[in-house]
PDB file of N, CA and C in Angstrom:
ATOM      1  N   VAL A   1     155.910 112.809-195.547  1.00  0.00           N
ATOM      2  CA  VAL A   1     155.346 112.482-194.243  1.00  0.00           C
ATOM      3  C   VAL A   1     154.740 111.093-194.335  1.00  0.00           C
ATOM      4  N   ARG A   2     155.081 110.269-193.350  1.00  0.00           N
ATOM      5  CA  ARG A   2     154.568 108.900-193.341  1.00  0.00           C
ATOM      6  C   ARG A   2     154.032 108.591-191.941  1.00  0.00           C
ATOM      7  N   PHE A   3     152.844 107.984-191.892  1.00  0.00           N
ATOM      8  CA  PHE A   3     152.240 107.551-190.639  1.00  0.00           C
ATOM      9  C   PHE A   3     152.183 106.036-190.641  1.00  0.00           C
ATOM     10  N   THR A   4     152.596 105.417-189.528  1.00  0.00           N
ATOM     11  CA  THR A   4     152.565 103.971-189.404  1.00  0.00           C
ATOM     12  C   THR A   4     151.827 103.613-188.123  1.00  0.00           C
ATOM     13  N   GLY A   5     150.864 102.731-188.249  1.00  0.00           N
ATOM     14  CA  GLY A   5     150.064 102.357-187.089  1.00  0.00           C
ATOM     15  C   GLY A   5     148.875 103.293-186.948  1.00  0.00           C
ATOM     16  N   PRO A   6     148.027 103.019-185.980  1.00  0.00           N
ATOM     17  CA  PRO A   6     146.809 103.820-185.792  1.00  0.00           C
ATOM     18  C   PRO A   6     147.080 105.123-185.035  1.00  0.00           C
ATOM     19  N   VAL A   7     147.920 105.981-185.601  1.00  0.00           N
ATOM     20  CA  VAL A   7     148.297 107.213-184.911  1.00  0.00           C
ATOM     21  C   VAL A   7     147.110 108.143-184.689  1.00  0.00           C
ATOM     22  N   ASP A   8     146.088 108.032-185.523  1.00  0.00           N
ATOM     23  CA  ASP A   8     144.956 108.950-185.397  1.00  0.00           C
ATOM     24  C   ASP A   8     144.181 108.767-184.103  1.00  0.00           C
ATOM     25  N   PHE A   9     144.251 107.587-183.480  1.00  0.00           N
ATOM     26  CA  PHE A   9     143.548 107.436-182.212  1.00  0.00           C
ATOM     27  C   PHE A   9     144.420 106.905-181.081  1.00  0.00           C
ATOM     28  N   GLU A  10     145.646 106.518-181.335  1.00  0.00           N
ATOM     29  CA  GLU A  10     146.527 106.027-180.275  1.00  0.00           C
ATOM     30  C   GLU A  10     147.392 107.106-179.643  1.00  0.00           C
ATOM     31  N   VAL A  11     147.583 108.226-180.307  1.00  0.00           N
ATOM     32  CA  VAL A  11     148.432 109.275-179.751  1.00  0.00           C
ATOM     33  C   VAL A  11     147.703 109.914-178.574  1.00  0.00           C
ATOM     34  N   PRO A  12     148.306 109.876-177.370  1.00  0.00           N
ATOM     35  CA  PRO A  12     147.652 110.465-176.207  1.00  0.00           C
ATOM     36  C   PRO A  12     147.475 111.970-176.369  1.00  0.00           C
ATOM     37  N   GLU A  13     146.380 112.468-175.848  1.00  0.00           N
ATOM     38  CA  GLU A  13     146.069 113.896-175.981  1.00  0.00           C
ATOM     39  C   GLU A  13     147.209 114.775-175.477  1.00  0.00           C
ATOM     40  N   GLN A  14     147.837 114.382-174.364  1.00  0.00           N
ATOM     41  CA  GLN A  14     148.911 115.199-173.795  1.00  0.00           C
ATOM     42  C   GLN A  14     150.160 115.217-174.679  1.00  0.00           C
ATOM     43  N   ALA A  15     150.236 114.322-175.664  1.00  0.00           N
ATOM     44  CA  ALA A  15     151.406 114.279-176.547  1.00  0.00           C
ATOM     45  C   ALA A  15     151.216 115.077-177.831  1.00  0.00           C
ATOM     46  N   VAL A  16     149.986 115.409-178.182  1.00  0.00           N
ATOM     47  CA  VAL A  16     149.706 116.043-179.474  1.00  0.00           C
ATOM     48  C   VAL A  16     150.457 117.360-179.640  1.00  0.00           C
ATOM     49  N   ASP A  17     150.364 118.258-178.660  1.00  0.00           N
ATOM     50  CA  ASP A  17     151.063 119.542-178.772  1.00  0.00           C
ATOM     51  C   ASP A  17     152.573 119.350-178.848  1.00  0.00           C
ATOM     52  N   HIS A  18     153.083 118.367-178.111  1.00  0.00           N
ATOM     53  CA  HIS A  18     154.521 118.081-178.147  1.00  0.00           C
ATOM     54  C   HIS A  18     154.943 117.603-179.534  1.00  0.00           C
ATOM     55  N   VAL A  19     154.167 116.713-180.131  1.00  0.00           N
ATOM     56  CA  VAL A  19     154.486 116.201-181.472  1.00  0.00           C
ATOM     57  C   VAL A  19     154.542 117.355-182.472  1.00  0.00           C
ATOM     58  N   LEU A  20     153.571 118.236-182.404  1.00  0.00           N
ATOM     59  CA  LEU A  20     153.550 119.382-183.324  1.00  0.00           C
ATOM     60  C   LEU A  20     154.747 120.297-183.099  1.00  0.00           C
ATOM     61  N   ALA A  21     155.073 120.588-181.839  1.00  0.00           N
ATOM     62  CA  ALA A  21     156.190 121.481-181.537  1.00  0.00           C
ATOM     63  C   ALA A  21     157.526 120.862-181.940  1.00  0.00           C
ATOM     64  N   VAL A  22     157.699 119.573-181.682  1.00  0.00           N
ATOM     65  CA  VAL A  22     158.947 118.894-182.046  1.00  0.00           C
ATOM     66  C   VAL A  22     159.105 118.864-183.566  1.00  0.00           C
ATOM     67  N   THR A  23     158.026 118.569-184.265  1.00  0.00           N
ATOM     68  CA  THR A  23     158.074 118.560-185.731  1.00  0.00           C
ATOM     69  C   THR A  23     158.431 119.942-186.263  1.00  0.00           C
ATOM     70  N   ARG A  24     157.786 120.954-185.728  1.00  0.00           N
ATOM     71  CA  ARG A  24     158.051 122.336-186.154  1.00  0.00           C
ATOM     72  C   ARG A  24     159.518 122.709-185.916  1.00  0.00           C
ATOM     73  N   GLU A  25     160.047 122.381-184.738  1.00  0.00           N
ATOM     74  CA  GLU A  25     161.431 122.722-184.405  1.00  0.00           C
ATOM     75  C   GLU A  25     162.419 121.987-185.313  1.00  0.00           C
ATOM     76  N   ALA A  26     162.201 120.697-185.524  1.00  0.00           N
ATOM     77  CA  ALA A  26     163.117 119.918-186.363  1.00  0.00           C
ATOM     78  C   ALA A  26     163.078 120.389-187.818  1.00  0.00           C
ATOM     79  N   LEU A  27     161.890 120.699-188.321  1.00  0.00           N
ATOM     80  CA  LEU A  27     161.788 121.214-189.693  1.00  0.00           C
ATOM     81  C   LEU A  27     162.452 122.582-189.813  1.00  0.00           C
ATOM     82  N   SER A  28     162.279 123.412-188.799  1.00  0.00           N
ATOM     83  CA  SER A  28     162.923 124.722-188.795  1.00  0.00           C
ATOM     84  C   SER A  28     164.443 124.572-188.797  1.00  0.00           C
ATOM     85  N   ASN A  29     164.959 123.668-187.979  1.00  0.00           N
ATOM     86  CA  ASN A  29     166.407 123.423-187.949  1.00  0.00           C
ATOM     87  C   ASN A  29     166.920 122.956-189.306  1.00  0.00           C
ATOM     88  N   ALA A  30     166.181 122.048-189.934  1.00  0.00           N
ATOM     89  CA  ALA A  30     166.597 121.530-191.242  1.00  0.00           C
ATOM     90  C   ALA A  30     166.637 122.640-192.282  1.00  0.00           C
ATOM     91  N   ALA A  31     165.676 123.539-192.237  1.00  0.00           N
ATOM     92  CA  ALA A  31     165.612 124.625-193.217  1.00  0.00           C
ATOM     93  C   ALA A  31     166.627 125.728-192.923  1.00  0.00           C
ATOM     94  N   ARG A  32     166.749 126.137-191.671  1.00  0.00           N
ATOM     95  CA  ARG A  32     167.585 127.288-191.327  1.00  0.00           C
ATOM     96  C   ARG A  32     169.060 126.957-191.166  1.00  0.00           C
ATOM     97  N   HIS A  33     169.356 125.796-190.600  1.00  0.00           N
ATOM     98  CA  HIS A  33     170.742 125.498-190.248  1.00  0.00           C
ATOM     99  C   HIS A  33     171.391 124.426-191.122  1.00  0.00           C
ATOM    100  N   ALA A  34     170.612 123.468-191.581  1.00  0.00           N
ATOM    101  CA  ALA A  34     171.194 122.324-192.287  1.00  0.00           C
ATOM    102  C   ALA A  34     171.278 122.527-193.788  1.00  0.00           C
ATOM    103  N   GLY A  35     170.513 123.473-194.318  1.00  0.00           N
ATOM    104  CA  GLY A  35     170.487 123.638-195.763  1.00  0.00           C
ATOM    105  C   GLY A  35     169.936 122.413-196.464  1.00  0.00           C
ATOM    106  N   ALA A  36     169.019 121.737-195.822  1.00  0.00           N
ATOM    107  CA  ALA A  36     168.472 120.491-196.365  1.00  0.00           C
ATOM    108  C   ALA A  36     167.573 120.749-197.566  1.00  0.00           C
ATOM    109  N   SER A  37     167.634 119.849-198.538  1.00  0.00           N
ATOM    110  CA  SER A  37     166.723 119.924-199.683  1.00  0.00           C
ATOM    111  C   SER A  37     165.609 118.895-199.559  1.00  0.00           C
ATOM    112  N   LYS A  38     165.795 117.944-198.640  1.00  0.00           N
ATOM    113  CA  LYS A  38     164.796 116.895-198.436  1.00  0.00           C
ATOM    114  C   LYS A  38     164.714 116.578-196.944  1.00  0.00           C
ATOM    115  N   VAL A  39     163.478 116.443-196.453  1.00  0.00           N
ATOM    116  CA  VAL A  39     163.249 116.054-195.065  1.00  0.00           C
ATOM    117  C   VAL A  39     162.170 114.982-195.053  1.00  0.00           C
ATOM    118  N   GLU A  40     162.423 113.902-194.334  1.00  0.00           N
ATOM    119  CA  GLU A  40     161.433 112.835-194.172  1.00  0.00           C
ATOM    120  C   GLU A  40     160.917 112.877-192.743  1.00  0.00           C
ATOM    121  N   VAL A  41     159.596 112.844-192.592  1.00  0.00           N
ATOM    122  CA  VAL A  41     158.957 112.842-191.280  1.00  0.00           C
ATOM    123  C   VAL A  41     158.156 111.557-191.159  1.00  0.00           C
ATOM    124  N   ASP A  42     158.473 110.762-190.151  1.00  0.00           N
ATOM    125  CA  ASP A  42     157.763 109.509-189.896  1.00  0.00           C
ATOM    126  C   ASP A  42     157.190 109.555-188.487  1.00  0.00           C
ATOM    127  N   LEU A  43     155.904 109.279-188.362  1.00  0.00           N
ATOM    128  CA  LEU A  43     155.244 109.185-187.063  1.00  0.00           C
ATOM    129  C   LEU A  43     154.644 107.796-186.974  1.00  0.00           C
ATOM    130  N   ALA A  44     155.020 107.059-185.929  1.00  0.00           N
ATOM    131  CA  ALA A  44     154.577 105.669-185.811  1.00  0.00           C
ATOM    132  C   ALA A  44     154.180 105.340-184.382  1.00  0.00           C
ATOM    133  N   THR A  45     153.224 104.434-184.262  1.00  0.00           N
ATOM    134  CA  THR A  45     152.892 103.843-182.972  1.00  0.00           C
ATOM    135  C   THR A  45     153.144 102.347-183.090  1.00  0.00           C
ATOM    136  N   ALA A  46     153.930 101.831-182.158  1.00  0.00           N
ATOM    137  CA  ALA A  46     154.232 100.396-182.148  1.00  0.00           C
ATOM    138  C   ALA A  46     154.826 100.029-180.794  1.00  0.00           C
ATOM    139  N   ASP A  47     154.493  98.854-180.333  1.00  0.00           N
ATOM    140  CA  ASP A  47     155.089  98.299-179.114  1.00  0.00           C
ATOM    141  C   ASP A  47     154.966  99.228-177.909  1.00  0.00           C
ATOM    142  N   GLY A  48     153.854  99.964-177.823  1.00  0.00           N
ATOM    143  CA  GLY A  48     153.619 100.829-176.675  1.00  0.00           C
ATOM    144  C   GLY A  48     154.303 102.175-176.733  1.00  0.00           C
ATOM    145  N   PHE A  49     154.868 102.525-177.884  1.00  0.00           N
ATOM    146  CA  PHE A  49     155.571 103.803-178.017  1.00  0.00           C
ATOM    147  C   PHE A  49     155.074 104.596-179.217  1.00  0.00           C
ATOM    148  N   LEU A  50     155.175 105.894-179.078  1.00  0.00           N
ATOM    149  CA  LEU A  50     154.967 106.833-180.172  1.00  0.00           C
ATOM    150  C   LEU A  50     156.357 107.297-180.580  1.00  0.00           C
ATOM    151  N   THR A  51     156.699 107.117-181.845  1.00  0.00           N
ATOM    152  CA  THR A  51     158.029 107.493-182.321  1.00  0.00           C
ATOM    153  C   THR A  51     157.900 108.470-183.479  1.00  0.00           C
ATOM    154  N   LEU A  52     158.551 109.608-183.327  1.00  0.00           N
ATOM    155  CA  LEU A  52     158.627 110.622-184.367  1.00  0.00           C
ATOM    156  C   LEU A  52     160.075 110.655-184.838  1.00  0.00           C
ATOM    157  N   ARG A  53     160.282 110.426-186.123  1.00  0.00           N
ATOM    158  CA  ARG A  53     161.633 110.405-186.697  1.00  0.00           C
ATOM    159  C   ARG A  53     161.679 111.430-187.813  1.00  0.00           C
ATOM    160  N   ILE A  54     162.615 112.349-187.713  1.00  0.00           N
ATOM    161  CA  ILE A  54     162.759 113.390-188.726  1.00  0.00           C
ATOM    162  C   ILE A  54     164.194 113.340-189.234  1.00  0.00           C
ATOM    163  N   ALA A  55     164.339 113.044-190.531  1.00  0.00           N
ATOM    164  CA  ALA A  55     165.660 112.888-191.141  1.00  0.00           C
ATOM    165  C   ALA A  55     165.809 113.885-192.279  1.00  0.00           C
ATOM    166  N   ASP A  56     166.949 114.577-192.306  1.00  0.00           N
ATOM    167  CA  ASP A  56     167.194 115.521-193.395  1.00  0.00           C
ATOM    168  C   ASP A  56     168.485 115.154-194.121  1.00  0.00           C
ATOM    169  N   ASP A  57     168.668 115.761-195.295  1.00  0.00           N
ATOM    170  CA  ASP A  57     169.870 115.504-196.093  1.00  0.00           C
ATOM    171  C   ASP A  57     170.812 116.704-196.081  1.00  0.00           C
ATOM    172  N   GLY A  58     170.766 117.465-195.006  1.00  0.00           N
ATOM    173  CA  GLY A  58     171.573 118.678-194.905  1.00  0.00           C
ATOM    174  C   GLY A  58     173.023 118.411-194.538  1.00  0.00           C
ATOM    175  N   VAL A  59     173.670 119.443-194.023  1.00  0.00           N
ATOM    176  CA  VAL A  59     175.103 119.394-193.731  1.00  0.00           C
ATOM    177  C   VAL A  59     175.429 118.685-192.424  1.00  0.00           C
ATOM    178  N   GLY A  60     174.443 118.317-191.654  1.00  0.00           N
ATOM    179  CA  GLY A  60     174.691 117.671-190.367  1.00  0.00           C
ATOM    180  C   GLY A  60     174.882 118.709-189.276  1.00  0.00           C
ATOM    181  N   ILE A  61     175.086 118.221-188.077  1.00  0.00           N
ATOM    182  CA  ILE A  61     175.233 119.116-186.929  1.00  0.00           C
ATOM    183  C   ILE A  61     176.700 119.442-186.725  1.00  0.00           C
ATOM    184  N   GLU A  62     176.973 120.714-186.603  1.00  0.00           N
ATOM    185  CA  GLU A  62     178.331 121.184-186.388  1.00  0.00           C
ATOM    186  C   GLU A  62     178.758 120.876-184.953  1.00  0.00           C
ATOM    187  N   PRO A  63     179.903 120.217-184.765  1.00  0.00           N
ATOM    188  CA  PRO A  63     180.371 119.947-183.398  1.00  0.00           C
ATOM    189  C   PRO A  63     180.533 121.250-182.621  1.00  0.00           C
ATOM    190  N   GLY A  64     180.016 121.261-181.405  1.00  0.00           N
ATOM    191  CA  GLY A  64     180.121 122.451-180.570  1.00  0.00           C
ATOM    192  C   GLY A  64     179.160 123.556-180.941  1.00  0.00           C
ATOM    193  N   GLY A  65     178.280 123.304-181.907  1.00  0.00           N
ATOM    194  CA  GLY A  65     177.322 124.326-182.321  1.00  0.00           C
ATOM    195  C   GLY A  65     176.211 124.519-181.302  1.00  0.00           C
ATOM    196  N   ARG A  66     175.475 125.592-181.462  1.00  0.00           N
ATOM    197  CA  ARG A  66     174.349 125.903-180.581  1.00  0.00           C
ATOM    198  C   ARG A  66     173.260 124.851-180.763  1.00  0.00           C
ATOM    199  N   ARG A  67     172.675 124.405-179.652  1.00  0.00           N
ATOM    200  CA  ARG A  67     171.694 123.324-179.721  1.00  0.00           C
ATOM    201  C   ARG A  67     170.466 123.595-178.860  1.00  0.00           C
ATOM    202  N   SER A  68     170.066 124.831-178.709  1.00  0.00           N
ATOM    203  CA  SER A  68     168.925 125.129-177.839  1.00  0.00           C
ATOM    204  C   SER A  68     167.644 124.491-178.353  1.00  0.00           C
ATOM    205  N   GLY A  69     167.444 124.460-179.661  1.00  0.00           N
ATOM    206  CA  GLY A  69     166.252 123.826-180.221  1.00  0.00           C
ATOM    207  C   GLY A  69     166.230 122.338-179.949  1.00  0.00           C
ATOM    208  N   LEU A  70     167.379 121.689-180.068  1.00  0.00           N
ATOM    209  CA  LEU A  70     167.458 120.257-179.777  1.00  0.00           C
ATOM    210  C   LEU A  70     167.258 119.991-178.292  1.00  0.00           C
ATOM    211  N   ALA A  71     167.731 120.901-177.443  1.00  0.00           N
ATOM    212  CA  ALA A  71     167.503 120.755-176.001  1.00  0.00           C
ATOM    213  C   ALA A  71     166.015 120.849-175.689  1.00  0.00           C
ATOM    214  N   ASN A  72     165.319 121.748-176.363  1.00  0.00           N
ATOM    215  CA  ASN A  72     163.867 121.866-176.172  1.00  0.00           C
ATOM    216  C   ASN A  72     163.156 120.584-176.594  1.00  0.00           C
ATOM    217  N   ILE A  73     163.603 119.988-177.691  1.00  0.00           N
ATOM    218  CA  ILE A  73     163.019 118.727-178.159  1.00  0.00           C
ATOM    219  C   ILE A  73     163.230 117.638-177.105  1.00  0.00           C
ATOM    220  N   ALA A  74     164.439 117.550-176.563  1.00  0.00           N
ATOM    221  CA  ALA A  74     164.737 116.550-175.532  1.00  0.00           C
ATOM    222  C   ALA A  74     163.912 116.796-174.272  1.00  0.00           C
ATOM    223  N   ASP A  75     163.746 118.057-173.891  1.00  0.00           N
ATOM    224  CA  ASP A  75     162.938 118.390-172.712  1.00  0.00           C
ATOM    225  C   ASP A  75     161.498 117.940-172.887  1.00  0.00           C
ATOM    226  N   ARG A  76     160.967 118.105-174.083  1.00  0.00           N
ATOM    227  CA  ARG A  76     159.586 117.685-174.342  1.00  0.00           C
ATOM    228  C   ARG A  76     159.438 116.167-174.224  1.00  0.00           C
ATOM    229  N   ALA A  77     160.437 115.426-174.660  1.00  0.00           N
ATOM    230  CA  ALA A  77     160.388 113.968-174.500  1.00  0.00           C
ATOM    231  C   ALA A  77     160.454 113.600-173.022  1.00  0.00           C
ATOM    232  N   ALA A  78     161.347 114.242-172.295  1.00  0.00           N
ATOM    233  CA  ALA A  78     161.506 113.946-170.871  1.00  0.00           C
ATOM    234  C   ALA A  78     160.219 114.222-170.091  1.00  0.00           C
ATOM    235  N   GLU A  79     159.491 115.267-170.470  1.00  0.00           N
ATOM    236  CA  GLU A  79     158.214 115.583-169.807  1.00  0.00           C
ATOM    237  C   GLU A  79     157.231 114.429-169.899  1.00  0.00           C
ATOM    238  N   LEU A  80     157.366 113.611-170.942  1.00  0.00           N
ATOM    239  CA  LEU A  80     156.461 112.484-171.159  1.00  0.00           C
ATOM    240  C   LEU A  80     157.155 111.143-170.898  1.00  0.00           C
ATOM    241  N   ALA A  81     158.246 111.172-170.130  1.00  0.00           N
ATOM    242  CA  ALA A  81     159.007 109.969-169.780  1.00  0.00           C
ATOM    243  C   ALA A  81     159.598 109.287-171.014  1.00  0.00           C
ATOM    244  N   GLY A  82     159.979 110.093-171.998  1.00  0.00           N
ATOM    245  CA  GLY A  82     160.542 109.558-173.231  1.00  0.00           C
ATOM    246  C   GLY A  82     161.988 109.961-173.416  1.00  0.00           C
ATOM    247  N   GLU A  83     162.467 109.817-174.646  1.00  0.00           N
ATOM    248  CA  GLU A  83     163.865 110.115-174.946  1.00  0.00           C
ATOM    249  C   GLU A  83     164.010 110.657-176.360  1.00  0.00           C
ATOM    250  N   THR A  84     165.111 111.346-176.562  1.00  0.00           N
ATOM    251  CA  THR A  84     165.444 111.897-177.875  1.00  0.00           C
ATOM    252  C   THR A  84     166.860 111.472-178.239  1.00  0.00           C
ATOM    253  N   THR A  85     167.048 111.077-179.486  1.00  0.00           N
ATOM    254  CA  THR A  85     168.399 110.834-179.984  1.00  0.00           C
ATOM    255  C   THR A  85     168.608 111.703-181.222  1.00  0.00           C
ATOM    256  N   VAL A  86     169.825 112.171-181.385  1.00  0.00           N
ATOM    257  CA  VAL A  86     170.210 112.961-182.555  1.00  0.00           C
ATOM    258  C   VAL A  86     171.477 112.319-183.103  1.00  0.00           C
ATOM    259  N   GLU A  87     171.396 111.859-184.344  1.00  0.00           N
ATOM    260  CA  GLU A  87     172.502 111.116-184.940  1.00  0.00           C
ATOM    261  C   GLU A  87     172.738 111.574-186.369  1.00  0.00           C
ATOM    262  N   PRO A  88     173.953 111.348-186.875  1.00  0.00           N
ATOM    263  CA  PRO A  88     174.178 111.613-188.295  1.00  0.00           C
ATOM    264  C   PRO A  88     173.402 110.607-189.138  1.00  0.00           C
ATOM    265  N   GLY A  89     172.914 111.056-190.287  1.00  0.00           N
ATOM    266  CA  GLY A  89     172.228 110.160-191.205  1.00  0.00           C
ATOM    267  C   GLY A  89     173.215 109.258-191.925  1.00  0.00           C
ATOM    268  N   GLU A  90     172.709 108.177-192.488  1.00  0.00           N
ATOM    269  CA  GLU A  90     173.573 107.226-193.201  1.00  0.00           C
ATOM    270  C   GLU A  90     174.323 107.884-194.352  1.00  0.00           C
ATOM    271  N   ASN A  91     173.666 108.802-195.042  1.00  0.00           N
ATOM    272  CA  ASN A  91     174.272 109.472-196.196  1.00  0.00           C
ATOM    273  C   ASN A  91     174.437 110.958-195.947  1.00  0.00           C
ATOM    274  N   GLY A  92     174.716 111.328-194.715  1.00  0.00           N
ATOM    275  CA  GLY A  92     174.832 112.729-194.346  1.00  0.00           C
ATOM    276  C   GLY A  92     173.547 113.217-193.712  1.00  0.00           C
ATOM    277  N   GLY A  93     173.544 114.469-193.346  1.00  0.00           N
ATOM    278  CA  GLY A  93     172.364 115.024-192.717  1.00  0.00           C
ATOM    279  C   GLY A  93     172.249 114.609-191.262  1.00  0.00           C
ATOM    280  N   THR A  94     171.058 114.778-190.733  1.00  0.00           N
ATOM    281  CA  THR A  94     170.802 114.518-189.322  1.00  0.00           C
ATOM    282  C   THR A  94     169.498 113.754-189.172  1.00  0.00           C
ATOM    283  N   VAL A  95     169.465 112.865-188.190  1.00  0.00           N
ATOM    284  CA  VAL A  95     168.250 112.131-187.858  1.00  0.00           C
ATOM    285  C   VAL A  95     167.912 112.422-186.399  1.00  0.00           C
ATOM    286  N   VAL A  96     166.743 112.997-186.179  1.00  0.00           N
ATOM    287  CA  VAL A  96     166.232 113.247-184.833  1.00  0.00           C
ATOM    288  C   VAL A  96     165.134 112.221-184.581  1.00  0.00           C
ATOM    289  N   THR A  97     165.277 111.456-183.505  1.00  0.00           N
ATOM    290  CA  THR A  97     164.261 110.476-183.131  1.00  0.00           C
ATOM    291  C   THR A  97     163.733 110.843-181.754  1.00  0.00           C
ATOM    292  N   TRP A  98     162.424 111.026-181.666  1.00  0.00           N
ATOM    293  CA  TRP A  98     161.731 111.439-180.440  1.00  0.00           C
ATOM    294  C   TRP A  98     160.764 110.324-180.096  1.00  0.00           C
ATOM    295  N   LYS A  99     160.953 109.703-178.937  1.00  0.00           N
ATOM    296  CA  LYS A  99     160.175 108.507-178.598  1.00  0.00           C
ATOM    297  C   LYS A  99     159.596 108.645-177.196  1.00  0.00           C
ATOM    298  N   VAL A 100     158.274 108.452-177.084  1.00  0.00           N
ATOM    299  CA  VAL A 100     157.600 108.539-175.789  1.00  0.00           C
ATOM    300  C   VAL A 100     156.633 107.365-175.635  1.00  0.00           C
ATOM    301  N   PRO A 101     156.401 106.937-174.394  1.00  0.00           N
ATOM    302  CA  PRO A 101     155.436 105.857-174.188  1.00  0.00           C
ATOM    303  C   PRO A 101     154.018 106.332-174.494  1.00  0.00           C
ATOM    304  N   LEU A 102     153.216 105.443-175.042  1.00  0.00           N
ATOM    305  CA  LEU A 102     151.827 105.785-175.350  1.00  0.00           C
ATOM    306  C   LEU A 102     150.979 105.926-174.099  1.00  0.00           C
ATOM    307  N   ASP A 103     151.384 105.299-173.020  1.00  0.00           N
ATOM    308  CA  ASP A 103     150.582 105.332-171.801  1.00  0.00           C
ATOM    309  C   ASP A 103     151.088 106.336-170.780  1.00  0.00           C
ATOM    310  N   SER A 104     151.812 107.359-171.214  1.00  0.00           N
ATOM    311  CA  SER A 104     152.344 108.367-170.305  1.00  0.00           C
ATOM    312  C   SER A 104     151.212 109.025-169.535  1.00  0.00           C
ATOM    313  N   ASP A 105     151.396 109.168-168.219  1.00  0.00           N
ATOM    314  CA  ASP A 105     150.380 109.793-167.371  1.00  0.00           C
ATOM    315  C   ASP A 105     150.628 111.271-167.165  1.00  0.00           C
ATOM    316  N   ASP A 106     151.711 111.810-167.683  1.00  0.00           N
ATOM    317  CA  ASP A 106     152.033 113.227-167.487  1.00  0.00           C
ATOM    318  C   ASP A 106     151.221 114.118-168.378  1.00  0.00           C
TER     319      ASP A 106
END
């Protein structure tokens, strides 16, 4: 787990529960579905955004597979006027990036 920037006081109160839920869901996916042996969690504040990046070294996402957990992650970003991307990692695995503005009024 790595923190970059003053996350301890810049993360908006309305985002805290979302950050915890997104982290929990992504870690659960890495453990249950990806067979990952390593997961990196990065939380950063920079340029007016809060960015949570979770990368695993698992098998990656199966095309056409069930994605309800990832949909929930995307919904949480949308609630805060943010976005989610899910991409293959450079050396396999999956990278989930959840990004929301720090000044979200929702």
